[in-house]
């Protein structure tokens, strides 16, 4: 399953190409993103991390400072 991930506020784009049945948590961990500090959105709707990837593109918003 492939999904394009847009990171906000960095405006960085990454692509995750995993297996059928993978969740957004699987994708985040594979991309080196801590799932505990982000929110996942598709067309403005929040998605749970344990949802199986079905959307072609999502936005990942950081909820804490990395400074």
Protein backbone atom coordinates (compact mmCIF):
# COMPACT_ATOMS: atom_id res chain seq x y z
CA UNK A 1 0.00 0.00 0.00
CA UNK A 2 1.45 3.35 -1.03
CA UNK A 3 0.63 6.69 0.61
CA UNK A 4 2.10 10.15 0.11
CA UNK A 5 2.80 11.83 3.44
CA UNK A 6 3.02 15.62 3.72
CA UNK A 7 4.71 16.77 6.91
CA UNK A 8 3.54 20.04 8.40
CA UNK A 9 4.86 22.60 9.24
CA UNK A 10 8.07 21.47 7.48
CA UNK A 11 6.27 21.12 4.13
CA UNK A 12 8.28 17.97 3.45
CA UNK A 13 6.87 15.15 1.31
CA UNK A 14 7.64 11.47 1.86
CA UNK A 15 6.25 8.32 0.25
CA UNK A 16 5.53 5.12 2.16
CA UNK A 17 5.24 1.95 0.10
CA UNK A 18 4.28 -0.88 2.41
CA UNK A 19 2.22 -4.03 2.45
CA UNK A 20 -1.54 -4.45 2.28
CA UNK A 21 -2.95 -4.20 5.79
CA UNK A 22 -0.29 -1.77 7.06
CA UNK A 23 -1.54 0.95 9.38
CA UNK A 24 -0.58 4.61 9.60
CA UNK A 25 1.42 3.74 12.71
CA UNK A 26 3.44 1.24 10.64
CA UNK A 27 4.08 3.95 8.04
CA UNK A 28 5.08 6.57 10.61
CA UNK A 29 7.52 4.26 12.36
CA UNK A 30 9.02 3.16 9.04
CA UNK A 31 9.53 6.82 8.06
CA UNK A 32 11.22 7.59 11.38
CA UNK A 33 8.30 9.62 12.75
CA UNK A 34 7.26 9.20 16.38
CA UNK A 35 3.51 8.44 16.25
CA UNK A 36 3.04 9.87 19.75
CA UNK A 37 3.75 13.45 18.66
CA UNK A 38 1.75 13.80 15.44
CA UNK A 39 -1.82 13.92 14.15
CA UNK A 40 -2.89 12.40 10.83
CA UNK A 41 -5.36 14.17 8.52
CA UNK A 42 -6.98 13.33 5.19
CA UNK A 43 -8.94 16.18 3.60
CA UNK A 44 -9.21 17.86 7.01
CA UNK A 45 -10.54 14.77 8.79
CA UNK A 46 -8.45 13.25 11.60
CA UNK A 47 -7.47 9.60 11.15
CA UNK A 48 -6.49 7.17 13.92
CA UNK A 49 -2.99 5.71 13.82
CA UNK A 50 -4.31 2.15 13.89
CA UNK A 51 -6.37 2.67 10.72
CA UNK A 52 -5.36 0.55 7.72
CA UNK A 53 -3.91 2.75 4.98
CA UNK A 54 -6.52 3.40 2.29
CA UNK A 55 -6.04 7.08 1.41
CA UNK A 56 -3.55 8.04 -1.33
CA UNK A 57 -2.33 11.12 0.56
CA UNK A 58 -2.34 12.32 4.17
CA UNK A 59 -1.03 15.30 6.11
CA UNK A 60 1.00 14.70 9.25
CA UNK A 61 0.95 17.59 11.73
CA UNK A 62 3.49 17.73 14.55
CA UNK A 63 1.94 18.44 17.95
CA UNK A 64 5.13 19.36 19.78
CA UNK A 65 8.29 21.39 19.32
CA UNK A 66 11.41 19.65 18.13
CA UNK A 67 13.67 22.39 19.47
